[in-house]
Amino acid sequence: MAFVEIYMRPMCGFCSAAKRLLDSKGVSYTEYNIWEEDGKQAEMISRSNGGRTVPQIFINDQHIGGCDDIMMLDKTGKLDPLLG
């Protein structure tokens, strides 16, 4: 099973949508709250090559992008192979 990480913040509709998609696939993930966890926002920006919006999603340390990106991967059938 893939190791999935999501950088998110509270009350973010896009974050919730991305997590719902992963939940629907039975995928567990690690969440980082960029508002409450010291250093996580800077870490997110660094790991995502400057991405400042949330969510920022990583699968097996590969930057996937945000909500629209993971939804498009799912729509085109490319998400499930990444998730293993």
Protein backbone atom coordinates (compact mmCIF):
# COMPACT_ATOMS: atom_id res chain seq x y z
CA MET A 1 0.00 0.00 0.00
CA ALA A 2 1.21 3.49 -0.83
CA PHE A 3 2.37 6.04 1.72
CA VAL A 4 0.15 9.10 1.23
CA GLU A 5 0.72 12.51 2.81
CA ILE A 6 -1.58 15.52 2.68
CA TYR A 7 -0.65 19.03 3.73
CA MET A 8 -3.94 20.70 4.66
CA ARG A 9 -5.66 23.31 6.79
CA PRO A 10 -8.99 23.32 8.65
CA MET A 11 -12.18 24.36 6.84
CA CYS A 12 -10.67 23.75 3.39
CA GLY A 13 -13.24 22.33 0.98
CA PHE A 14 -10.58 21.13 -1.45
CA CYS A 15 -8.74 19.33 1.36
CA SER A 16 -11.98 17.64 2.42
CA ALA A 17 -12.75 16.57 -1.15
CA ALA A 18 -9.29 15.05 -1.63
CA LYS A 19 -9.56 13.19 1.69
CA ARG A 20 -13.06 11.92 0.77
CA LEU A 21 -11.66 10.49 -2.46
CA LEU A 22 -8.87 8.70 -0.59
CA ASP A 23 -11.32 7.52 2.09
CA SER A 24 -13.59 6.10 -0.62
CA LYS A 25 -10.66 4.02 -1.85
CA GLY A 26 -9.82 2.79 1.65
CA VAL A 27 -6.45 4.54 1.59
CA SER A 28 -4.89 5.68 4.85
CA TYR A 29 -2.90 8.89 4.81
CA THR A 30 -0.91 11.18 7.06
CA GLU A 31 -2.26 14.71 7.45
CA TYR A 32 -0.16 17.74 8.24
CA ASN A 33 -2.07 20.81 9.42
CA ILE A 34 -0.06 23.74 8.10
CA TRP A 35 -1.82 26.17 10.47
CA GLU A 36 -1.17 24.24 13.67
CA GLU A 37 2.06 22.29 13.16
CA ASP A 38 5.22 24.38 13.35
CA GLY A 39 7.32 24.28 10.22
CA LYS A 40 4.83 22.27 8.13
CA GLN A 41 3.89 25.17 5.84
CA ALA A 42 7.54 25.84 4.98
CA GLU A 43 8.12 22.10 4.55
CA MET A 44 5.11 21.87 2.20
CA ILE A 45 6.32 24.79 0.08
CA SER A 46 9.79 23.29 -0.16
CA ARG A 47 8.65 19.76 -0.99
CA SER A 48 6.12 20.94 -3.59
CA ASN A 49 8.57 23.25 -5.36
CA GLY A 50 6.79 26.41 -4.28
CA GLY A 51 3.21 25.18 -3.92
CA ARG A 52 1.43 27.45 -1.45
CA THR A 53 -2.17 26.29 -1.82
CA VAL A 54 -3.72 23.39 0.04
CA PRO A 55 -3.96 20.56 -0.21
CA GLN A 56 -0.56 19.48 -1.42
CA ILE A 57 -0.55 15.71 -1.84
CA PHE A 58 2.34 13.26 -1.99
CA ILE A 59 2.18 9.55 -2.81
CA ASN A 60 5.32 7.56 -1.98
CA ASP A 61 7.24 10.86 -1.69
CA GLN A 62 6.16 11.88 -5.23
CA HIS A 63 4.41 15.25 -5.44
CA ILE A 64 0.96 14.72 -6.96
CA GLY A 65 -0.32 18.28 -6.65
CA GLY A 66 -3.61 19.48 -5.25
CA CYS A 67 -7.24 18.43 -5.23
CA ASP A 68 -7.85 18.99 -8.95
CA ASP A 69 -4.73 16.97 -9.76
CA ILE A 70 -5.70 13.94 -7.67
CA MET A 71 -9.25 14.07 -9.05
CA MET A 72 -7.90 14.10 -12.62
CA LEU A 73 -5.60 11.16 -11.85
CA ASP A 74 -8.64 9.26 -10.59
CA LYS A 75 -10.81 10.23 -13.57
CA THR A 76 -8.15 9.06 -16.02
CA GLY A 77 -7.50 5.79 -14.19
CA LYS A 78 -3.98 6.74 -13.11
CA LEU A 79 -4.59 7.07 -9.35
CA ASP A 80 -5.22 3.45 -8.44
CA PRO A 81 -1.87 2.23 -9.84
CA LEU A 82 -0.09 4.91 -7.78
CA LEU A 83 -1.93 3.80 -4.67
CA GLY A 84 -1.02 0.16 -5.25
